[in-house]
């Protein structure tokens, strides 16, 4: 089966943002790759404020990730091994900083700062759900009682910088 050309336009981005708003996780992705076995994973991610993305890294197998903001605003957070925030990179359309490339092995998370935020993500494949991410042991699991408080802590750190 031949893959089809996919157009990334305002209709797709709006539809994806609406789906994220309705999702319990407040995020939704749209895969541009046809299979998780492809050597290059390419996707759009819509992330609404209040979505908790647990800090993680891609160490084994080692995979870098690149994010390019298409709409909205978010912050990329880079952490030390002990969970301390080492760097905050604000990304906003029209701000002069719209993307980040994170080498393999760096602890990171993203926090959406505006409704309708959508970014393009790419990383090496294949995608294997059980080994794709190494979640930070110092950060609460998604859906846990502590996750909301930890997200508030991250948002507070963003406001202080």
N, C-alpha and C. Protein backbone atom coordinates (compact mmCIF):
# COMPACT_ATOMS: atom_id res chain seq x y z
N UNK A 1 0.84 -1.19 0.00
CA UNK A 1 0.00 0.00 0.00
C UNK A 1 0.88 1.25 0.00
N UNK A 2 0.61 2.12 -0.90
CA UNK A 2 1.37 3.36 -1.04
C UNK A 2 0.89 4.39 -0.02
N UNK A 3 1.81 5.03 0.72
CA UNK A 3 1.38 6.09 1.65
C UNK A 3 0.78 7.27 0.89
N UNK A 4 -0.09 8.00 1.55
CA UNK A 4 -0.70 9.17 0.92
C UNK A 4 -0.03 10.45 1.41
N UNK A 5 -0.11 11.47 0.60
CA UNK A 5 0.39 12.78 0.97
C UNK A 5 -0.54 13.36 2.03
N UNK A 6 0.04 13.89 3.09
CA UNK A 6 -0.76 14.52 4.14
C UNK A 6 -0.45 16.01 4.16
N UNK A 7 -1.47 16.81 4.14
CA UNK A 7 -1.32 18.25 4.17
C UNK A 7 -1.52 18.73 5.61
N UNK A 8 -0.58 19.52 6.09
CA UNK A 8 -0.69 20.09 7.44
C UNK A 8 -1.20 21.51 7.27
N UNK A 9 -2.50 21.68 7.51
CA UNK A 9 -3.12 22.99 7.31
C UNK A 9 -3.89 23.40 8.57
N UNK A 10 -4.49 24.58 8.51
CA UNK A 10 -5.24 25.09 9.66
C UNK A 10 -6.37 24.16 10.07
N UNK A 11 -7.04 23.53 9.10
CA UNK A 11 -8.13 22.63 9.43
C UNK A 11 -7.65 21.45 10.27
N UNK A 12 -6.51 20.86 9.89
CA UNK A 12 -5.97 19.74 10.66
C UNK A 12 -5.56 20.19 12.05
N UNK A 13 -4.87 21.33 12.16
CA UNK A 13 -4.42 21.81 13.46
C UNK A 13 -5.60 22.14 14.37
N UNK A 14 -6.64 22.75 13.83
CA UNK A 14 -7.83 23.08 14.62
C UNK A 14 -8.54 21.82 15.07
N UNK A 15 -8.70 20.87 14.18
CA UNK A 15 -9.34 19.60 14.51
C UNK A 15 -8.57 18.87 15.61
N UNK A 16 -7.26 18.87 15.50
CA UNK A 16 -6.42 18.21 16.49
C UNK A 16 -6.52 18.90 17.85
N UNK A 17 -6.54 20.23 17.86
CA UNK A 17 -6.69 20.98 19.11
C UNK A 17 -8.04 20.70 19.77
N UNK A 18 -9.09 20.64 18.98
CA UNK A 18 -10.41 20.33 19.54
C UNK A 18 -10.43 18.94 20.14
N UNK A 19 -9.80 17.98 19.49
CA UNK A 19 -9.72 16.62 20.03
C UNK A 19 -8.93 16.60 21.34
N UNK A 20 -7.87 17.40 21.43
CA UNK A 20 -7.08 17.46 22.66
C UNK A 20 -7.91 18.02 23.81
N UNK A 21 -8.69 19.06 23.53
CA UNK A 21 -9.54 19.67 24.57
C UNK A 21 -10.54 18.67 25.13
N UNK A 22 -11.00 17.75 24.29
CA UNK A 22 -12.00 16.76 24.70
C UNK A 22 -11.38 15.51 25.32
N UNK A 23 -10.08 15.36 25.19
CA UNK A 23 -9.39 14.19 25.71
C UNK A 23 -9.16 14.32 27.21
N UNK A 24 -9.32 13.23 27.97
CA UNK A 24 -9.03 13.28 29.41
C UNK A 24 -7.59 13.71 29.72
N UNK A 25 -6.66 13.40 28.82
CA UNK A 25 -5.24 13.75 29.01
C UNK A 25 -4.94 15.16 28.51
N UNK A 26 -5.91 15.82 27.89
CA UNK A 26 -5.76 17.17 27.33
C UNK A 26 -4.67 17.23 26.27
N UNK A 27 -4.50 16.14 25.55
CA UNK A 27 -3.58 16.12 24.43
C UNK A 27 -3.99 15.05 23.44
N UNK A 28 -3.55 15.27 22.20
CA UNK A 28 -3.89 14.35 21.13
C UNK A 28 -2.80 14.43 20.08
N UNK A 29 -2.39 13.27 19.56
CA UNK A 29 -1.40 13.31 18.50
C UNK A 29 -1.99 12.80 17.19
N UNK A 30 -1.34 13.19 16.12
CA UNK A 30 -1.70 12.77 14.77
C UNK A 30 -0.42 12.28 14.11
N UNK A 31 -0.34 10.97 13.90
CA UNK A 31 0.86 10.40 13.30
C UNK A 31 0.90 10.69 11.81
N UNK A 32 2.04 11.16 11.36
CA UNK A 32 2.26 11.37 9.94
C UNK A 32 2.92 10.13 9.32
N UNK A 33 3.59 9.34 10.14
CA UNK A 33 4.18 8.09 9.69
C UNK A 33 3.08 7.03 9.59
N UNK A 34 3.25 6.12 8.65
CA UNK A 34 2.22 5.10 8.41
C UNK A 34 2.31 3.94 9.38
N UNK A 35 3.48 3.72 9.98
CA UNK A 35 3.68 2.56 10.82
C UNK A 35 4.65 2.90 11.95
N UNK A 36 4.45 2.27 13.10
CA UNK A 36 5.39 2.45 14.21
C UNK A 36 6.75 1.83 13.91
N UNK A 37 6.84 1.03 12.87
CA UNK A 37 8.11 0.41 12.47
C UNK A 37 8.98 1.32 11.63
N UNK A 38 8.45 2.45 11.16
CA UNK A 38 9.23 3.34 10.31
C UNK A 38 10.45 3.88 11.05
N UNK A 39 11.54 4.10 10.34
CA UNK A 39 12.78 4.57 10.99
C UNK A 39 12.72 6.02 11.44
N UNK A 40 11.74 6.78 10.95
CA UNK A 40 11.58 8.18 11.35
C UNK A 40 10.12 8.39 11.77
N UNK A 41 9.93 8.63 13.06
CA UNK A 41 8.60 8.89 13.59
C UNK A 41 8.33 10.38 13.48
N UNK A 42 7.21 10.75 12.83
CA UNK A 42 6.84 12.15 12.61
C UNK A 42 5.40 12.32 13.04
N UNK A 43 5.15 13.28 13.90
CA UNK A 43 3.80 13.46 14.38
C UNK A 43 3.51 14.89 14.80
N UNK A 44 2.23 15.19 14.83
CA UNK A 44 1.75 16.45 15.37
C UNK A 44 1.19 16.16 16.75
N UNK A 45 1.46 17.04 17.69
CA UNK A 45 0.95 16.92 19.05
C UNK A 45 0.20 18.19 19.42
N UNK A 46 -1.06 18.03 19.80
CA UNK A 46 -1.83 19.14 20.36
C UNK A 46 -1.84 18.93 21.87
N UNK A 47 -1.44 19.95 22.61
CA UNK A 47 -1.35 19.86 24.07
C UNK A 47 -2.00 21.09 24.67
N UNK A 48 -2.97 20.86 25.52
CA UNK A 48 -3.69 21.96 26.17
C UNK A 48 -3.09 22.25 27.55
N UNK A 49 -3.24 23.47 28.05
CA UNK A 49 -2.82 23.75 29.42
C UNK A 49 -3.49 22.77 30.38
N UNK A 50 -2.75 22.32 31.36
CA UNK A 50 -3.26 21.36 32.33
C UNK A 50 -2.91 19.92 32.00
N UNK A 51 -2.32 19.69 30.83
CA UNK A 51 -1.87 18.34 30.47
C UNK A 51 -0.53 18.08 31.14
N UNK A 52 -0.41 16.95 31.82
CA UNK A 52 0.83 16.59 32.50
C UNK A 52 1.61 15.60 31.65
N UNK A 53 2.79 16.01 31.23
CA UNK A 53 3.71 15.14 30.50
C UNK A 53 4.84 14.81 31.46
N UNK A 54 4.81 13.58 31.96
CA UNK A 54 5.80 13.18 32.96
C UNK A 54 7.22 13.31 32.40
N UNK A 55 8.11 13.91 33.16
CA UNK A 55 9.50 14.00 32.71
C UNK A 55 10.04 12.60 32.37
N UNK A 56 10.79 12.57 31.27
CA UNK A 56 11.30 11.31 30.77
C UNK A 56 12.54 11.57 29.92
N UNK A 57 13.17 10.50 29.52
CA UNK A 57 14.30 10.57 28.60
C UNK A 57 14.22 9.36 27.68
N UNK A 58 15.00 9.43 26.61
CA UNK A 58 15.07 8.33 25.66
C UNK A 58 16.52 7.86 25.65
N UNK A 59 16.80 6.86 26.47
CA UNK A 59 18.18 6.44 26.71
C UNK A 59 18.49 5.08 26.10
N UNK A 60 17.54 4.16 26.18
CA UNK A 60 17.80 2.80 25.71
C UNK A 60 16.59 2.25 24.99
N UNK A 61 16.54 2.39 23.68
CA UNK A 61 17.62 2.87 22.82
C UNK A 61 17.72 4.39 22.84
N UNK A 62 18.92 4.87 22.64
CA UNK A 62 19.18 6.31 22.65
C UNK A 62 18.52 6.97 21.44
N UNK A 63 17.64 7.93 21.72
CA UNK A 63 16.93 8.62 20.64
C UNK A 63 16.84 10.11 20.94
N UNK A 64 17.33 10.95 20.04
CA UNK A 64 17.09 12.39 20.19
C UNK A 64 15.65 12.71 19.76
N UNK A 65 15.18 13.87 20.17
CA UNK A 65 13.84 14.34 19.77
C UNK A 65 13.94 15.79 19.35
N UNK A 66 13.15 16.16 18.36
CA UNK A 66 13.04 17.55 17.95
C UNK A 66 11.58 17.97 18.00
N UNK A 67 11.36 19.19 18.49
CA UNK A 67 10.02 19.77 18.57
C UNK A 67 10.04 21.11 17.86
N UNK A 68 9.04 21.36 17.03
CA UNK A 68 8.90 22.64 16.35
C UNK A 68 7.47 23.11 16.57
N UNK A 69 7.32 24.24 17.23
CA UNK A 69 6.00 24.77 17.57
C UNK A 69 5.32 25.33 16.32
N UNK A 70 4.06 24.94 16.13
CA UNK A 70 3.28 25.43 14.99
C UNK A 70 2.23 26.45 15.41
N UNK A 71 1.69 26.28 16.62
CA UNK A 71 0.66 27.18 17.17
C UNK A 71 0.81 27.24 18.68
N UNK A 72 0.48 28.39 19.23
CA UNK A 72 0.39 28.50 20.68
C UNK A 72 1.71 28.80 21.37
N UNK A 73 1.84 28.24 22.57
CA UNK A 73 2.99 28.53 23.41
C UNK A 73 3.21 27.37 24.37
N UNK A 74 4.46 27.02 24.57
CA UNK A 74 4.78 25.99 25.56
C UNK A 74 6.18 26.22 26.06
N UNK A 75 6.54 25.48 27.09
CA UNK A 75 7.90 25.54 27.62
C UNK A 75 8.46 24.13 27.65
N UNK A 76 9.70 24.01 27.23
CA UNK A 76 10.44 22.76 27.36
C UNK A 76 11.29 22.88 28.61
N UNK A 77 11.24 21.86 29.44
CA UNK A 77 12.02 21.84 30.68
C UNK A 77 13.04 20.73 30.59
N UNK A 78 14.28 21.04 30.94
CA UNK A 78 15.37 20.08 30.96
C UNK A 78 15.77 19.90 32.42
N UNK A 79 15.93 18.65 32.84
CA UNK A 79 16.18 18.34 34.25
C UNK A 79 17.54 17.67 34.44
N UNK A 80 18.11 17.87 35.63
CA UNK A 80 19.29 17.13 36.05
C UNK A 80 18.84 15.74 36.49
N UNK A 81 19.80 14.86 36.71
CA UNK A 81 19.47 13.49 37.13
C UNK A 81 18.71 13.44 38.45
N UNK A 82 18.89 14.45 39.30
CA UNK A 82 18.20 14.46 40.59
C UNK A 82 16.83 15.15 40.55
N UNK A 83 16.41 15.60 39.36
CA UNK A 83 15.10 16.21 39.21
C UNK A 83 15.09 17.73 39.26
N UNK A 84 16.23 18.34 39.54
CA UNK A 84 16.30 19.80 39.55
C UNK A 84 16.15 20.33 38.12
N UNK A 85 15.41 21.40 37.98
CA UNK A 85 15.25 22.01 36.66
C UNK A 85 16.55 22.72 36.30
N UNK A 86 17.16 22.28 35.20
CA UNK A 86 18.41 22.89 34.74
C UNK A 86 18.18 24.02 33.76
N UNK A 87 17.13 23.86 32.96
CA UNK A 87 16.90 24.85 31.91
C UNK A 87 15.44 24.87 31.52
N UNK A 88 14.94 26.06 31.27
CA UNK A 88 13.59 26.24 30.75
C UNK A 88 13.72 26.99 29.42
N UNK A 89 13.12 26.41 28.39
CA UNK A 89 13.17 27.03 27.07
C UNK A 89 11.73 27.35 26.66
N UNK A 90 11.34 28.63 26.74
CA UNK A 90 10.00 29.00 26.29
C UNK A 90 9.93 29.02 24.77
N UNK A 91 8.87 28.43 24.24
CA UNK A 91 8.64 28.40 22.80
C UNK A 91 7.31 29.08 22.52
N UNK A 92 7.32 30.00 21.58
CA UNK A 92 6.10 30.71 21.23
C UNK A 92 6.19 31.16 19.78
N UNK A 93 5.12 30.98 19.04
CA UNK A 93 5.10 31.39 17.64
C UNK A 93 5.34 32.89 17.57
N UNK A 94 6.29 33.28 16.77
CA UNK A 94 6.60 34.70 16.58
C UNK A 94 7.53 35.28 17.63
N UNK A 95 8.01 34.47 18.58
CA UNK A 95 8.84 34.99 19.66
C UNK A 95 10.33 34.97 19.33
N UNK A 96 10.69 34.31 18.26
CA UNK A 96 12.10 34.16 17.95
C UNK A 96 12.63 32.80 18.38
N UNK A 97 11.87 32.05 19.17
CA UNK A 97 12.26 30.70 19.57
C UNK A 97 11.04 29.80 19.42
N UNK A 98 11.08 28.95 18.41
CA UNK A 98 9.93 28.10 18.11
C UNK A 98 10.25 26.62 18.16
N UNK A 99 11.48 26.24 18.47
CA UNK A 99 11.79 24.82 18.47
C UNK A 99 12.95 24.48 19.38
N UNK A 100 13.09 23.17 19.60
CA UNK A 100 14.19 22.67 20.42
C UNK A 100 14.54 21.27 19.95
N UNK A 101 15.83 20.96 19.98
CA UNK A 101 16.32 19.63 19.68
C UNK A 101 16.96 19.09 20.95
N UNK A 102 16.46 17.97 21.43
CA UNK A 102 16.92 17.40 22.70
C UNK A 102 17.70 16.13 22.41
N UNK A 103 19.00 16.12 22.75
CA UNK A 103 19.79 14.91 22.52
C UNK A 103 19.27 13.73 23.37
N UNK A 104 19.61 12.55 22.93
CA UNK A 104 19.23 11.34 23.67
C UNK A 104 19.78 11.41 25.10
N UNK A 105 18.99 10.91 26.04
CA UNK A 105 19.45 10.80 27.42
C UNK A 105 19.16 11.99 28.31
N UNK A 106 18.64 13.09 27.76
CA UNK A 106 18.32 14.26 28.58
C UNK A 106 16.91 14.12 29.15
N UNK A 107 16.78 14.29 30.47
CA UNK A 107 15.46 14.31 31.10
C UNK A 107 14.73 15.56 30.61
N UNK A 108 13.48 15.42 30.20
CA UNK A 108 12.73 16.57 29.70
C UNK A 108 11.23 16.39 29.86
N UNK A 109 10.55 17.52 29.78
CA UNK A 109 9.09 17.55 29.78
C UNK A 109 8.67 18.80 29.02
N UNK A 110 7.40 18.85 28.68
CA UNK A 110 6.82 20.02 28.03
C UNK A 110 5.60 20.45 28.83
N UNK A 111 5.40 21.76 28.92
CA UNK A 111 4.22 22.31 29.59
C UNK A 111 3.54 23.28 28.63
N UNK A 112 2.28 23.01 28.32
CA UNK A 112 1.52 23.89 27.44
C UNK A 112 1.15 25.16 28.19
N UNK A 113 1.33 26.30 27.53
CA UNK A 113 1.06 27.59 28.16
C UNK A 113 -0.13 28.32 27.53
N UNK A 114 -0.70 27.75 26.46
CA UNK A 114 -1.80 28.43 25.78
C UNK A 114 -2.73 27.40 25.14
N UNK A 115 -4.04 27.68 25.18
CA UNK A 115 -4.96 26.81 24.46
C UNK A 115 -4.63 26.78 22.97
N UNK A 116 -4.85 25.64 22.36
CA UNK A 116 -4.61 25.51 20.93
C UNK A 116 -3.16 25.26 20.56
N UNK A 117 -2.32 24.92 21.53
CA UNK A 117 -0.90 24.68 21.25
C UNK A 117 -0.73 23.38 20.47
N UNK A 118 0.01 23.47 19.36
CA UNK A 118 0.31 22.30 18.53
C UNK A 118 1.78 22.37 18.11
N UNK A 119 2.46 21.23 18.20
CA UNK A 119 3.84 21.18 17.75
C UNK A 119 4.08 19.94 16.90
N UNK A 120 5.11 20.04 16.06
CA UNK A 120 5.57 18.94 15.24
C UNK A 120 6.71 18.27 16.00
N UNK A 121 6.69 16.95 16.05
CA UNK A 121 7.72 16.18 16.75
C UNK A 121 8.29 15.15 15.79
N UNK A 122 9.59 14.95 15.91
CA UNK A 122 10.22 13.87 15.16
C UNK A 122 11.30 13.24 16.02
N UNK A 123 11.41 11.92 15.88
CA UNK A 123 12.45 11.16 16.56
C UNK A 123 12.65 9.85 15.80
N UNK A 124 13.79 9.21 16.02
CA UNK A 124 14.03 7.95 15.33
C UNK A 124 13.03 6.88 15.75
N UNK A 125 12.72 6.01 14.82
CA UNK A 125 11.89 4.85 15.10
C UNK A 125 12.78 3.63 15.18
N UNK A 126 12.22 2.49 15.29
CA UNK A 126 10.78 2.26 15.43
C UNK A 126 10.31 2.64 16.83
N UNK A 127 9.00 2.86 16.94
CA UNK A 127 8.39 3.16 18.23
C UNK A 127 7.96 1.85 18.87
N UNK A 128 8.43 1.62 20.09
CA UNK A 128 8.02 0.45 20.87
C UNK A 128 7.57 0.96 22.23
N UNK A 129 6.28 0.88 22.47
CA UNK A 129 5.67 1.51 23.64
C UNK A 129 6.35 1.12 24.96
N UNK A 130 6.74 -0.12 25.12
CA UNK A 130 7.29 -0.57 26.40
C UNK A 130 8.69 -0.05 26.68
N UNK A 131 9.43 0.34 25.63
CA UNK A 131 10.80 0.80 25.85
C UNK A 131 11.05 2.21 25.32
N UNK A 132 10.02 2.90 24.88
CA UNK A 132 10.21 4.21 24.27
C UNK A 132 10.71 5.26 25.24
N UNK A 133 10.19 5.23 26.46
CA UNK A 133 10.53 6.27 27.43
C UNK A 133 11.05 5.64 28.71
N UNK A 134 12.01 6.33 29.30
CA UNK A 134 12.49 6.02 30.63
C UNK A 134 11.95 7.14 31.51
N UNK A 135 10.89 6.83 32.29
CA UNK A 135 10.25 7.87 33.10
C UNK A 135 11.10 8.21 34.31
N UNK A 136 11.12 9.49 34.67
CA UNK A 136 11.90 9.97 35.80
C UNK A 136 11.34 9.40 37.10
N UNK A 137 12.20 8.76 37.90
CA UNK A 137 11.73 8.18 39.15
C UNK A 137 11.31 9.23 40.18
N UNK A 138 11.78 10.47 40.03
CA UNK A 138 11.47 11.54 40.96
C UNK A 138 10.21 12.31 40.58
N UNK A 139 9.56 11.93 39.49
CA UNK A 139 8.34 12.61 39.04
C UNK A 139 7.17 11.64 39.15
N UNK A 140 6.03 12.11 39.63
CA UNK A 140 4.89 11.20 39.79
C UNK A 140 4.36 10.70 38.45
N UNK A 141 3.77 9.53 38.51
CA UNK A 141 3.18 8.93 37.31
C UNK A 141 1.97 9.73 36.85
N UNK A 142 1.77 9.73 35.54
CA UNK A 142 0.59 10.37 34.98
C UNK A 142 -0.66 9.69 35.56
N UNK A 143 -1.63 10.50 35.95
CA UNK A 143 -2.86 9.97 36.50
C UNK A 143 -2.83 9.72 38.00
N UNK A 144 -1.66 9.86 38.61
CA UNK A 144 -1.56 9.66 40.06
C UNK A 144 -2.10 10.88 40.80
N UNK A 145 -2.37 10.72 42.08
CA UNK A 145 -2.86 11.84 42.89
C UNK A 145 -1.83 12.96 42.96
N UNK A 146 -0.55 12.62 42.91
CA UNK A 146 0.52 13.61 43.03
C UNK A 146 0.81 14.36 41.73
N UNK A 147 0.33 13.85 40.62
CA UNK A 147 0.67 14.45 39.31
C UNK A 147 0.19 15.90 39.20
N UNK A 148 -1.00 16.20 39.67
CA UNK A 148 -1.52 17.56 39.59
C UNK A 148 -0.68 18.55 40.37
N UNK A 149 -0.26 18.15 41.57
CA UNK A 149 0.57 19.03 42.39
C UNK A 149 1.94 19.23 41.74
N UNK A 150 2.48 18.19 41.14
CA UNK A 150 3.78 18.32 40.48
C UNK A 150 3.68 19.24 39.26
N UNK A 151 2.59 19.12 38.49
CA UNK A 151 2.39 20.03 37.36
C UNK A 151 2.29 21.47 37.86
N UNK A 152 1.61 21.70 38.96
CA UNK A 152 1.53 23.06 39.53
C UNK A 152 2.92 23.57 39.93
N UNK A 153 3.74 22.67 40.47
CA UNK A 153 5.12 23.04 40.82
C UNK A 153 5.89 23.47 39.57
N UNK A 154 5.75 22.71 38.48
CA UNK A 154 6.44 23.06 37.23
C UNK A 154 5.94 24.39 36.68
N UNK A 155 4.63 24.59 36.71
CA UNK A 155 4.06 25.85 36.22
C UNK A 155 4.54 27.02 37.07
N UNK A 156 4.67 26.83 38.37
CA UNK A 156 5.17 27.88 39.26
C UNK A 156 6.63 28.20 38.92
N UNK A 157 7.42 27.17 38.63
CA UNK A 157 8.82 27.40 38.25
C UNK A 157 8.90 28.20 36.96
N UNK A 158 7.96 27.97 36.05
CA UNK A 158 7.93 28.73 34.79
C UNK A 158 7.64 30.20 35.04
N UNK A 159 6.72 30.47 35.95
CA UNK A 159 6.36 31.87 36.25
C UNK A 159 7.51 32.60 36.95
N UNK A 160 8.32 31.90 37.70
CA UNK A 160 9.41 32.53 38.45
C UNK A 160 10.61 32.84 37.59
N UNK A 161 10.70 32.28 36.40
CA UNK A 161 11.89 32.50 35.55
C UNK A 161 11.64 33.51 34.49
